[in-house]
Each structure stands twice: as structure tokens, then as C-alpha cells.
Amino acid sequence: MKAMILAAGKGTRVRPLTYDLPKPMIPVLGKPVMAYLIEHLARCGVDEIMVNVSHLHEKIEEYFGEGQQFGVRIGYSFEGYTDDNGEVVPVPLGSAGGMKKIQEFGGFFDQTTIVLCGDALIDLDIAAAVAEHKSKGALATVITKEVPWDKVSSYGVVVTDADGRIQRFQEKPSQEEAVSNFASTGIYIFEPEVINMIPANTEFDIGSDLFPLLAEKGLPFYAQGRPFEWIDIGSITDFWTVLQDVMQGGVESLKLPGTQVADGVWVGLNARIDWEGTSIEGPVYIGSGTHVEAGTRIVGPTWIGHGSHIVSGAEVVRSMIFEYTRIGHDVLLEDMIVFKDYCISRDGESRHIKDCAETIWGNSRDRRLARRA
């Protein structure tokens, strides 16, 4: 079975994380989201995977290689060009345009193929979804989930008849204009004939362009509403919420790594915790090579990346700290993400690290900002 993972976008709603990481490489429990996706595809019998890449493409390619460690074959389609100075210039073609480029280059879409966005955790029964797709004689199928009405503007939504045939598709409508709250999960099943409808050398999107075209032409285009776990990381707020939920055991298939050394406390290899005067309330993960000094307070759910340093007097509460970060003496970090040179609130407000002190922590107790190790 074949699959394609959509991984060429810039992930603007997850900035500043995506200044340095392509969105599929954002980590959950220390592992890129896309790694979970590839593992699931392999378990479902998918053994050939194409990935379209553009923004920070090399980080995806270097991590996943040709897929041997996952038991699959992975290929890449770069969207962009090399200029006269030898510089690689990313130019995304849109999700459907990326499919067309792959097909014109080597004819990858020669059978029923599942296409997925690279930024969600799923446990979909792919074989059952494909079987239903084929039983209905569908050219295209979109897997849907009902979402709250106040969230519809983040998704494409569908209107179907009683048999699930899509009558209308709207891409990210406002709540007032939305005709449905059944949202596309970014999981699609396509027959090769669909690719023929995509114009060549043109930026073309699955949700904005291809799906409305299929609905307008009245082609066999279906929605499936299946019971499965779908954890979408569409924004910084989603990312913070997912991490909190996962660390509290909200996703049964995802367990904290490392060794449990105390109630609710897991550590990586060679982590050092000076327990005198230190209070840790789980769930907390402390990464490999991290030093937690005496007299600190950590309240979970909290993830502390490897190679970090939590200085005496610091308090870290319900936060996500990326690797090689130093949290200084007497700093209070609460409901925050610290990523390289940025600190980000749970609501998605980000500040450069040098501007965070007064805005985020205030001046009480002479609390200073977290600094890079």
C-alpha cells in the first residue's frame, strides 16, 4: 500500500517553533509528530511513502532518511529550485500541486493511495477506511470528525447526503458562514484519476481548490466519519494542550520515556537531580544530561529537554522546555514553552527571550528570564 505525507508547509500558526523546525518535526514526548505517523502507516501495511518537502526540508530528510529504521521506503519531492548562486529556494506548490509534481515526475500514484498531513497523531484503521472507499466506488474520500462550531474556521468542512457523498466543501469558513461542523482531518484517499484533474506547474490546494472542484462536478467524492483518535497540532495553543494531555496519560498509546525514579517523575540517561530542598510534583520528564539543582520546584505536567539546567530557586510549572535551556536562579516559569530564543505562553503569545522578563515573569522576587545554556 502507498501513502503520501504532506510536509511542505511553513507552519505559520505554530511560529516561532517553525522558524527552526518544519511543522512535522515538532516533538511530542521527544519524538517528531511525523515519526508517529510513519510508525502507524507501517503497522497498517503501508510500505511506500512519498513526502513533499520545502521549508527546512533538510531536517526532515536527515531524520527519516530512506525509511529503513521504520521498515518502509521513503522518497522526497522537493518544491523549489536552486538559483544561479547554488542557493536552494523553497517554493511550495500547495498540497494538490505537490501531488501533481510527484505524479508527473515518476508516476507514483498508480493505485489507491492514502494522503495525510504530517502534523497530527492518529490511530485510524487505514485498511477499513480504504475498504469503504473502494466499496462505494469513490474517486476521493476525506476522513472527517465533528468539531465544535467555534473551531470550524481552522478546518475544511463538508456537507454530505445520507450515503456520505459530499455535496459541498468549504475551506476554513468563518463560524457565521460555515454550513457544517464536520471537519476534514487532513486524511484523504485518492484514486489516480483524481491527480489528472490538478493543473501542472500551478499552486493548487487540496482543500481550497481540488475538493470544491470535485463537489462542483458531482464526482464520486465521499466523507467517512470514523471513530479514531485524531490529535491535531494546528497552533501553539494546540501544541501546549496536546503535551499537557499526553503527559497526564490522555493518549493511551503514548507513554513517557525514560526511567521512573519517583512518583510521577521520569528521567533520561545520566540526568542529575539534587533532591535537597527540591520539590517535584508529577508528571514530569527530565531529559538526559539535565541538571536540576537543589532548592528548585517543578510542577507537572512538565517536560524538560535534554542537556538543560534548572538553577536553584527556579520554579517550573506546567511548562515545556526544549533541549539545552538554562532556567536561571529565582525564575518563575508557568504555563510556558521555552524554545531556543523564544518564550511562548499557552495562548500562543511569543516574545524573544531578551524581552520576556517583565512581560512574562514580572519583577517580583527579582525573577530573571531563562537563558540558553
Protein backbone atom coordinates (compact mmCIF):
# COMPACT_ATOMS: atom_id res chain seq x y z
CA MET A 1 0.00 0.00 0.00
CA LYS A 2 1.17 3.54 -0.75
CA ALA A 3 0.91 6.82 1.13
CA MET A 4 1.94 10.43 0.75
CA ILE A 5 2.69 12.75 3.66
CA LEU A 6 2.15 16.47 3.15
CA ALA A 7 5.15 18.21 4.75
CA ALA A 8 5.95 21.26 2.61
CA GLY A 9 4.09 23.99 4.52
CA LYS A 10 5.69 26.73 6.61
CA GLY A 11 3.52 26.10 9.69
CA THR A 12 2.86 29.79 10.28
CA ARG A 13 0.35 29.18 13.09
CA VAL A 14 2.98 27.31 15.10
CA ARG A 15 5.62 30.04 14.95
CA PRO A 16 8.13 30.62 16.44
CA LEU A 17 8.67 26.83 16.67
CA THR A 18 8.64 26.62 12.88
CA TYR A 19 11.30 29.28 12.45
CA ASP A 20 13.75 26.47 13.15
CA LEU A 21 11.65 23.30 12.70
CA PRO A 22 9.39 22.16 9.88
CA LYS A 23 5.97 21.52 11.39
CA PRO A 24 6.11 17.70 11.05
CA MET A 25 9.31 17.76 13.16
CA ILE A 26 7.66 19.36 16.20
CA PRO A 27 8.27 16.90 19.05
CA VAL A 28 5.72 15.13 21.22
CA LEU A 29 7.41 13.28 24.09
CA GLY A 30 10.73 13.96 22.43
CA LYS A 31 9.83 12.43 19.05
CA PRO A 32 8.69 14.24 15.88
CA VAL A 33 4.98 14.08 15.13
CA MET A 34 5.74 12.66 11.69
CA ALA A 35 7.65 9.73 13.23
CA TYR A 36 4.48 8.57 15.00
CA LEU A 37 2.64 8.88 11.70
CA ILE A 38 5.16 6.78 9.77
CA GLU A 39 5.16 4.13 12.50
CA HIS A 40 1.38 3.92 12.28
CA LEU A 41 1.45 3.67 8.49
CA ALA A 42 3.99 0.83 8.73
CA ARG A 43 1.78 -1.04 11.21
CA CYS A 44 -1.11 -0.70 8.76
CA GLY A 45 0.84 -2.29 5.92
CA VAL A 46 1.94 0.86 4.09
CA ASP A 47 5.45 0.27 2.78
CA GLU A 48 5.98 3.07 0.22
CA ILE A 49 5.72 6.71 1.35
CA MET A 50 6.36 9.87 -0.64
CA VAL A 51 6.89 13.11 1.28
CA ASN A 52 6.66 16.54 -0.33
CA VAL A 53 9.08 18.95 1.34
CA SER A 54 10.07 22.59 1.02
CA HIS A 55 10.52 24.71 4.19
CA LEU A 56 13.56 23.42 6.12
CA HIS A 57 13.38 20.26 4.01
CA GLU A 58 16.82 19.01 5.07
CA LYS A 59 15.72 18.50 8.68
CA ILE A 60 13.02 16.05 7.58
CA GLU A 61 15.26 14.28 5.10
CA GLU A 62 18.17 13.92 7.54
CA TYR A 63 15.97 12.49 10.30
CA PHE A 64 13.95 9.98 8.28
CA GLY A 65 16.43 9.11 5.53
CA GLU A 66 15.06 6.46 3.19
CA GLY A 67 12.96 4.89 5.93
CA GLN A 68 14.92 1.75 6.74
CA GLN A 69 14.60 2.24 10.51
CA PHE A 70 10.81 2.28 10.14
CA GLY A 71 10.60 -0.73 7.84
CA VAL A 72 9.31 1.36 4.92
CA ARG A 73 10.67 3.08 1.81
CA ILE A 74 10.55 6.88 1.90
CA GLY A 75 11.05 9.20 -1.05
CA TYR A 76 11.07 13.01 -1.19
CA SER A 77 9.79 15.59 -3.63
CA PHE A 78 11.38 18.99 -3.08
CA GLU A 79 9.28 22.00 -4.05
CA GLY A 80 11.55 24.84 -5.10
CA TYR A 81 14.67 25.42 -7.18
CA THR A 82 18.41 26.09 -7.00
CA ASP A 83 19.35 29.60 -8.07
CA ASP A 84 22.42 30.74 -10.01
CA ASN A 85 24.43 31.02 -6.79
CA GLY A 86 23.70 27.45 -5.78
CA GLU A 87 21.20 28.50 -3.10
CA VAL A 88 18.19 26.24 -2.57
CA VAL A 89 15.00 28.32 -2.70
CA PRO A 90 11.81 26.71 -1.29
CA VAL A 91 8.66 27.39 -3.33
CA PRO A 92 5.67 25.32 -2.09
CA LEU A 93 3.18 24.27 -4.76
CA GLY A 94 0.20 23.75 -2.48
CA SER A 95 -0.89 20.33 -1.25
CA ALA A 96 -2.51 19.26 -4.54
CA GLY A 97 0.21 20.89 -6.63
CA GLY A 98 2.75 18.81 -4.72
CA MET A 99 0.85 15.64 -5.65
CA LYS A 100 0.82 16.65 -9.32
CA LYS A 101 4.58 17.26 -9.31
CA ILE A 102 5.21 13.79 -7.87
CA GLN A 103 2.92 12.16 -10.44
CA GLU A 104 4.44 13.94 -13.43
CA PHE A 105 7.96 13.12 -12.31
CA GLY A 106 7.64 9.39 -11.69
CA GLY A 107 4.01 8.24 -11.72
CA PHE A 108 3.89 7.36 -8.01
CA PHE A 109 0.07 7.46 -7.84
CA ASP A 110 -0.64 4.25 -9.74
CA GLN A 111 -3.05 2.74 -7.20
CA THR A 112 -5.34 3.75 -4.36
CA THR A 113 -3.19 5.99 -2.14
CA ILE A 114 -3.73 7.49 1.29
CA VAL A 115 -2.59 11.11 1.68
CA LEU A 116 -2.06 12.62 5.13
CA CYS A 117 -0.99 15.89 6.68
CA GLY A 118 2.28 15.41 8.57
CA ASP A 119 1.26 17.27 11.74
CA ALA A 120 -1.27 15.05 13.55
CA LEU A 121 -1.28 11.94 15.74
CA ILE A 122 -3.76 9.32 14.55
CA ASP A 123 -4.74 5.70 15.10
CA LEU A 124 -7.07 5.34 12.11
CA ASP A 125 -7.87 1.83 10.85
CA ILE A 126 -6.50 2.54 7.38
CA ALA A 127 -7.47 -0.83 5.90
CA ALA A 128 -11.11 -0.35 6.92
CA ALA A 129 -11.16 3.20 5.54
CA VAL A 130 -9.72 2.08 2.20
CA ALA A 131 -12.17 -0.83 2.02
CA GLU A 132 -15.14 1.52 2.48
CA HIS A 133 -13.68 3.92 -0.08
CA LYS A 134 -13.49 1.13 -2.64
CA SER A 135 -16.90 -0.34 -1.82
CA LYS A 136 -18.53 3.00 -2.67
CA GLY A 137 -16.62 3.38 -5.91
CA ALA A 138 -15.15 6.65 -4.65
CA LEU A 139 -12.57 8.64 -6.58
CA ALA A 140 -11.74 10.61 -3.46
CA THR A 141 -12.55 10.23 0.22
CA VAL A 142 -11.92 12.59 3.11
CA ILE A 143 -11.93 11.34 6.70
CA THR A 144 -13.95 13.72 8.88
CA LYS A 145 -14.57 14.50 12.55
CA GLU A 146 -17.22 16.64 14.17
CA VAL A 147 -15.62 19.70 15.79
CA PRO A 148 -17.04 22.49 17.98
CA TRP A 149 -18.62 25.29 15.95
CA ASP A 150 -16.14 27.82 17.32
CA LYS A 151 -13.31 25.76 15.76
CA VAL A 152 -14.64 25.44 12.20
CA SER A 153 -12.55 28.32 10.87
CA SER A 154 -9.44 26.17 11.36
CA TYR A 155 -10.66 23.36 9.07
CA GLY A 156 -12.30 22.46 5.80
CA VAL A 157 -15.90 21.35 6.42
CA VAL A 158 -18.27 19.16 4.40
CA VAL A 159 -21.97 18.72 3.72
CA THR A 160 -22.97 15.19 2.68
CA ASP A 161 -26.06 13.28 1.65
CA ALA A 162 -27.35 10.29 3.60
CA ASP A 163 -24.82 7.98 1.92
CA GLY A 164 -21.85 10.18 2.79
CA ARG A 165 -21.44 11.67 -0.69
CA ILE A 166 -20.09 15.19 -0.42
CA GLN A 167 -22.40 17.87 -1.77
CA ARG A 168 -20.36 20.86 -0.70
CA PHE A 169 -16.88 21.57 0.67
CA GLN A 170 -15.82 24.79 2.41
CA GLU A 171 -12.21 25.50 3.28
CA LYS A 172 -11.79 27.25 6.65
CA PRO A 173 -15.06 29.21 6.66
CA SER A 174 -15.91 31.71 9.38
CA GLN A 175 -18.25 30.40 12.05
CA GLU A 176 -21.02 32.57 10.65
CA GLU A 177 -20.59 31.28 7.09
CA ALA A 178 -19.92 27.60 7.90
CA VAL A 179 -22.51 25.19 6.53
CA SER A 180 -21.30 22.29 8.67
CA ASN A 181 -19.09 21.41 11.60
CA PHE A 182 -17.89 18.11 10.13
CA ALA A 183 -14.23 18.85 9.53
CA SER A 184 -11.60 17.34 7.31
CA THR A 185 -8.89 15.69 9.39
CA GLY A 186 -6.30 16.07 6.65
CA ILE A 187 -6.54 12.36 5.84
CA TYR A 188 -7.57 11.56 2.26
CA ILE A 189 -7.86 8.55 -0.01
CA PHE A 190 -7.35 9.15 -3.74
CA GLU A 191 -7.62 7.15 -6.93
CA PRO A 192 -5.04 8.01 -9.63
CA GLU A 193 -7.74 9.65 -11.80
CA VAL A 194 -8.03 12.48 -9.29
CA ILE A 195 -4.45 13.58 -9.96
CA ASN A 196 -5.37 14.18 -13.61
CA MET A 197 -7.68 16.99 -12.51
CA ILE A 198 -4.84 19.00 -10.93
CA PRO A 199 -3.23 21.58 -13.24
CA ALA A 200 0.52 21.23 -13.77
CA ASN A 201 3.08 23.81 -12.59
CA THR A 202 0.43 25.66 -10.61
CA GLU A 203 -0.02 26.28 -6.90
CA PHE A 204 -3.12 24.23 -6.14
CA ASP A 205 -4.53 23.26 -2.77
CA ILE A 206 -6.50 20.14 -1.83
CA GLY A 207 -8.98 21.94 0.41
CA SER A 208 -9.29 25.30 -1.34
CA ASP A 209 -9.16 24.13 -4.94
CA LEU A 210 -9.39 20.38 -5.57
CA PHE A 211 -12.22 19.45 -3.21
CA PRO A 212 -14.59 22.26 -4.28
CA LEU A 213 -13.90 21.19 -7.87
CA LEU A 214 -14.80 17.56 -7.15
CA ALA A 215 -18.00 18.61 -5.36
CA GLU A 216 -18.98 21.01 -8.15
CA LYS A 217 -18.55 18.33 -10.83
CA GLY A 218 -20.64 15.85 -8.84
CA LEU A 219 -17.94 13.17 -8.94
CA PRO A 220 -17.93 10.21 -6.52
CA PHE A 221 -16.43 12.15 -3.62
CA TYR A 222 -17.23 10.83 -0.13
CA ALA A 223 -16.72 11.59 3.54
CA GLN A 224 -16.14 8.96 6.20
CA GLY A 225 -16.82 9.68 9.85
CA ARG A 226 -14.83 7.04 11.69
CA PRO A 227 -14.17 6.52 15.41
CA PHE A 228 -10.44 7.10 15.80
CA GLU A 229 -8.03 9.23 17.74
CA TRP A 230 -7.03 12.42 15.96
CA ILE A 231 -4.76 14.87 17.73
CA ASP A 232 -4.18 17.89 15.54
CA ILE A 233 -1.34 20.32 16.21
CA GLY A 234 -2.66 23.30 14.31
CA SER A 235 -1.45 26.06 16.60
CA ILE A 236 0.78 26.80 19.58
CA THR A 237 -2.26 26.50 21.87
CA ASP A 238 -2.99 23.05 20.40
CA PHE A 239 0.64 22.03 20.95
CA TRP A 240 0.61 23.11 24.60
CA THR A 241 -2.73 21.35 25.21
CA VAL A 242 -1.58 18.15 23.50
CA LEU A 243 1.57 17.98 25.61
CA GLN A 244 -0.39 18.50 28.81
CA ASP A 245 -2.90 15.82 27.84
CA VAL A 246 -0.29 13.30 26.69
CA MET A 247 1.81 13.69 29.84
CA GLN A 248 -1.25 13.09 32.00
CA GLY A 249 -1.94 9.80 30.22
CA GLY A 250 -4.70 11.15 27.99
CA VAL A 251 -3.38 9.21 24.99
CA GLU A 252 -3.17 5.56 25.96
CA SER A 253 -0.72 4.63 23.21
CA LEU A 254 1.83 7.29 24.23
CA LYS A 255 3.87 6.69 27.36
CA LEU A 256 6.54 8.82 28.98
CA PRO A 257 10.04 7.62 28.06
CA GLY A 258 12.93 7.15 30.46
CA THR A 259 13.08 5.55 33.91
CA GLN A 260 10.67 6.34 36.71
CA VAL A 261 12.75 7.44 39.74
CA ALA A 262 9.97 8.77 41.98
CA ASP A 263 6.20 9.07 41.98
CA GLY A 264 5.33 10.82 38.72
CA VAL A 265 8.98 11.56 37.82
CA TRP A 266 10.72 10.06 34.76
CA VAL A 267 14.32 10.76 33.74
CA GLY A 268 16.56 10.15 30.76
CA LEU A 269 20.05 8.68 30.94
CA ASN A 270 22.56 10.42 33.18
CA ALA A 271 20.16 13.10 34.41
CA ARG A 272 21.13 14.63 37.76
CA ILE A 273 18.62 15.76 40.38
CA ASP A 274 19.82 17.32 43.63
CA TRP A 275 16.89 16.41 45.86
CA GLU A 276 17.74 18.52 48.94
CA GLY A 277 15.06 21.18 49.18
CA THR A 278 13.72 20.23 45.74
CA SER A 279 10.01 19.58 45.15
CA ILE A 280 8.80 17.73 42.06
CA GLU A 281 5.09 17.06 41.51
CA GLY A 282 4.48 14.80 38.53
CA PRO A 283 4.01 14.06 35.81
CA VAL A 284 7.46 15.40 34.98
CA TYR A 285 10.05 14.25 32.47
CA ILE A 286 13.68 15.35 32.92
CA GLY A 287 15.83 14.70 29.89
CA SER A 288 19.22 13.07 29.56
CA GLY A 289 22.13 15.14 30.83
CA THR A 290 19.87 17.67 32.55
CA HIS A 291 20.89 19.07 35.95
CA VAL A 292 18.19 20.05 38.45
CA GLU A 293 19.85 21.90 41.30
CA ALA A 294 18.81 21.68 44.95
CA GLY A 295 16.05 24.04 46.06
CA THR A 296 14.01 24.02 42.87
CA ARG A 297 10.28 23.40 42.40
CA ILE A 298 8.83 21.61 39.36
CA VAL A 299 5.11 21.02 38.88
CA GLY A 300 3.73 18.83 36.10
CA PRO A 301 2.76 18.26 33.51
CA THR A 302 6.25 19.49 32.61
CA TRP A 303 8.77 18.34 30.01
CA ILE A 304 12.41 19.38 30.37
CA GLY A 305 14.52 18.65 27.31
CA HIS A 306 17.94 17.02 27.41
CA GLY A 307 21.05 18.98 28.32
CA SER A 308 19.12 21.62 30.28
CA HIS A 309 19.98 23.24 33.62
CA ILE A 310 17.42 24.24 36.26
CA VAL A 311 19.17 26.53 38.75
CA SER A 312 18.47 26.61 42.49
CA GLY A 313 15.41 28.69 43.36
CA ALA A 314 13.77 28.31 39.95
CA GLU A 315 10.15 27.19 39.66
CA VAL A 316 8.89 25.43 36.54
CA VAL A 317 5.12 24.89 36.43
CA ARG A 318 3.18 23.13 33.63
CA SER A 319 5.74 24.02 31.01
CA MET A 320 7.64 22.65 28.02
CA ILE A 321 11.35 23.39 27.92
CA PHE A 322 13.26 22.44 24.79
CA GLU A 323 16.77 21.00 24.96
CA TYR A 324 19.85 22.90 26.19
CA THR A 325 17.93 25.57 28.08
CA ARG A 326 19.07 27.18 31.33
CA ILE A 327 16.38 28.38 33.73
CA GLY A 328 18.09 30.94 35.95
CA HIS A 329 18.06 31.45 39.71
CA ASP A 330 14.72 32.59 41.11
CA VAL A 331 12.91 32.41 37.74
CA LEU A 332 9.22 31.50 37.71
CA LEU A 333 8.17 29.73 34.52
CA GLU A 334 4.44 28.96 34.43
CA ASP A 335 2.31 27.62 31.57
CA MET A 336 5.09 28.36 29.09
CA ILE A 337 7.08 26.91 26.23
CA VAL A 338 10.76 27.87 26.04
CA PHE A 339 12.22 27.19 22.61
CA LYS A 340 15.68 28.43 21.67
CA ASP A 341 15.49 32.24 21.78
CA TYR A 342 11.74 32.45 22.43
CA CYS A 343 9.32 32.07 25.29
CA ILE A 344 5.72 31.34 24.35
CA SER A 345 2.61 31.49 26.53
CA ARG A 346 -0.08 28.82 26.44
CA ASP A 347 -2.23 31.29 24.45
CA GLY A 348 0.39 31.48 21.71
CA GLU A 349 1.87 34.86 22.60
CA SER A 350 5.60 34.76 21.91
CA ARG A 351 8.45 37.03 22.93
CA HIS A 352 12.13 36.98 22.17
CA ILE A 353 13.92 35.70 25.26
CA LYS A 354 15.54 39.07 25.98
CA ASP A 355 12.10 40.72 26.11
CA CYS A 356 10.42 38.13 28.33
CA ALA A 357 11.43 39.13 31.85
CA GLU A 358 8.99 41.92 32.61
CA THR A 359 6.23 40.79 30.26
CA ILE A 360 6.08 37.16 31.33
CA TRP A 361 7.58 36.89 34.80
CA GLY A 362 7.37 40.45 36.13
CA ASN A 363 9.88 41.94 38.52
CA SER A 364 8.73 40.37 41.80
CA ARG A 365 11.41 38.39 43.66
CA ASP A 366 13.93 39.72 41.12
CA ARG A 367 12.82 36.92 38.79
CA ARG A 368 15.03 36.73 35.76
CA LEU A 369 14.44 35.11 32.44
CA ALA A 370 15.51 31.70 31.26
CA ARG A 371 18.75 31.82 29.31
CA ARG A 372 20.30 29.44 26.86
CA ALA A 373 22.92 27.16 28.38
